[in-house]
Amino acid sequence: MTVNGKIKSIKTSIIGKPVYGHNDGDIGRLIEKYLKEEGWPVQSGAGPDILMYGVEIKSRRIDAQSN
């Protein structure tokens, strides 16, 4: 049985940590680094960021507008 869903949050202490960079790729890699430091099995490159759960980590600018 396949279940589709959407993760709204994860238990992690990275909430509130500063993220910075020259482009979105820099920021995404910094978030991945924070998650790795907490023990999450994050992989770089093609495919999902957390392969064992099929999860892709997404981020957006704090001033981004949602339509």
C-alpha atoms as a PDB file:
ATOM      1  CA  MET A   1       0.000   0.000   0.000  1.00  0.00           C
ATOM      2  CA  THR A   2       1.356   3.407  -0.968  1.00  0.00           C
ATOM      3  CA  VAL A   3       0.573   6.418   1.169  1.00  0.00           C
ATOM      4  CA  ASN A   4       1.051   9.940  -0.145  1.00  0.00           C
ATOM      5  CA  GLY A   5       1.400  12.843   2.217  1.00  0.00           C
ATOM      6  CA  LYS A   6       3.103  16.095   3.003  1.00  0.00           C
ATOM      7  CA  ILE A   7       5.439  16.712   5.913  1.00  0.00           C
ATOM      8  CA  LYS A   8       4.602  20.010   7.564  1.00  0.00           C
ATOM      9  CA  SER A   9       7.335  19.943  10.217  1.00  0.00           C
ATOM     10  CA  ILE A  10      10.078  17.767  11.662  1.00  0.00           C
ATOM     11  CA  LYS A  11      11.419  17.498  15.174  1.00  0.00           C
ATOM     12  CA  THR A  12      14.690  19.345  14.931  1.00  0.00           C
ATOM     13  CA  SER A  13      16.444  22.194  16.650  1.00  0.00           C
ATOM     14  CA  ILE A  14      17.372  23.989  13.424  1.00  0.00           C
ATOM     15  CA  ILE A  15      14.273  26.200  13.683  1.00  0.00           C
ATOM     16  CA  GLY A  16      15.512  29.765  14.116  1.00  0.00           C
ATOM     17  CA  LYS A  17      19.097  29.071  13.015  1.00  0.00           C
ATOM     18  CA  PRO A  18      20.440  31.685  10.618  1.00  0.00           C
ATOM     19  CA  VAL A  19      20.774  30.755   6.958  1.00  0.00           C
ATOM     20  CA  TYR A  20      22.773  32.818   4.532  1.00  0.00           C
ATOM     21  CA  GLY A  21      24.483  32.554   1.176  1.00  0.00           C
ATOM     22  CA  HIS A  22      24.952  34.107  -2.226  1.00  0.00           C
ATOM     23  CA  ASN A  23      22.282  31.948  -3.861  1.00  0.00           C
ATOM     24  CA  ASP A  24      19.583  29.404  -3.064  1.00  0.00           C
ATOM     25  CA  GLY A  25      22.043  26.491  -3.497  1.00  0.00           C
ATOM     26  CA  ASP A  26      24.275  27.864  -0.731  1.00  0.00           C
ATOM     27  CA  ILE A  27      21.305  28.169   1.603  1.00  0.00           C
ATOM     28  CA  GLY A  28      20.059  24.650   0.817  1.00  0.00           C
ATOM     29  CA  ARG A  29      23.497  23.163   1.501  1.00  0.00           C
ATOM     30  CA  LEU A  30      23.695  25.020   4.820  1.00  0.00           C
ATOM     31  CA  ILE A  31      20.312  23.594   5.867  1.00  0.00           C
ATOM     32  CA  GLU A  32      21.507  20.107   4.867  1.00  0.00           C
ATOM     33  CA  LYS A  33      24.645  20.668   6.971  1.00  0.00           C
ATOM     34  CA  TYR A  34      22.534  21.621  10.010  1.00  0.00           C
ATOM     35  CA  LEU A  35      20.428  18.466   9.571  1.00  0.00           C
ATOM     36  CA  LYS A  36      23.531  16.255   9.201  1.00  0.00           C
ATOM     37  CA  GLU A  37      24.932  17.727  12.427  1.00  0.00           C
ATOM     38  CA  GLU A  38      21.731  16.562  14.169  1.00  0.00           C
ATOM     39  CA  GLY A  39      22.180  13.037  12.829  1.00  0.00           C
ATOM     40  CA  TRP A  40      19.734  13.082   9.926  1.00  0.00           C
ATOM     41  CA  PRO A  41      20.961  10.814   7.084  1.00  0.00           C
ATOM     42  CA  VAL A  42      21.106  13.601   4.480  1.00  0.00           C
ATOM     43  CA  GLN A  43      22.654  12.857   1.096  1.00  0.00           C
ATOM     44  CA  SER A  44      23.893  15.359  -1.472  1.00  0.00           C
ATOM     45  CA  GLY A  45      23.354  15.117  -5.205  1.00  0.00           C
ATOM     46  CA  ALA A  46      20.496  13.696  -7.241  1.00  0.00           C
ATOM     47  CA  GLY A  47      17.490  12.114  -5.580  1.00  0.00           C
ATOM     48  CA  PRO A  48      15.790  12.781  -2.278  1.00  0.00           C
ATOM     49  CA  ASP A  49      17.780  14.470   0.479  1.00  0.00           C
ATOM     50  CA  ILE A  50      16.746  11.854   3.063  1.00  0.00           C
ATOM     51  CA  LEU A  51      16.634   8.701   0.954  1.00  0.00           C
ATOM     52  CA  MET A  52      15.303   6.336   3.626  1.00  0.00           C
ATOM     53  CA  TYR A  53      12.091   8.412   3.833  1.00  0.00           C
ATOM     54  CA  GLY A  54      12.063   9.694   0.245  1.00  0.00           C
ATOM     55  CA  VAL A  55      12.134  13.264   1.576  1.00  0.00           C
ATOM     56  CA  GLU A  56      13.361  16.305  -0.326  1.00  0.00           C
ATOM     57  CA  ILE A  57      14.202  19.293   1.906  1.00  0.00           C
ATOM     58  CA  LYS A  58      12.771  22.568   0.614  1.00  0.00           C
ATOM     59  CA  SER A  59      13.305  26.102   1.822  1.00  0.00           C
ATOM     60  CA  ARG A  60      12.147  29.541   0.805  1.00  0.00           C
ATOM     61  CA  ARG A  61      13.189  33.098   1.457  1.00  0.00           C
ATOM     62  CA  ILE A  62      11.589  34.723   4.495  1.00  0.00           C
ATOM     63  CA  ASP A  63      10.267  37.513   2.279  1.00  0.00           C
ATOM     64  CA  ALA A  64       8.888  35.177  -0.424  1.00  0.00           C
ATOM     65  CA  GLN A  65       5.265  35.701  -1.424  1.00  0.00           C
ATOM     66  CA  SER A  66       2.873  32.763  -1.734  1.00  0.00           C
ATOM     67  CA  ASN A  67       0.292  33.041  -4.526  1.00  0.00           C
END
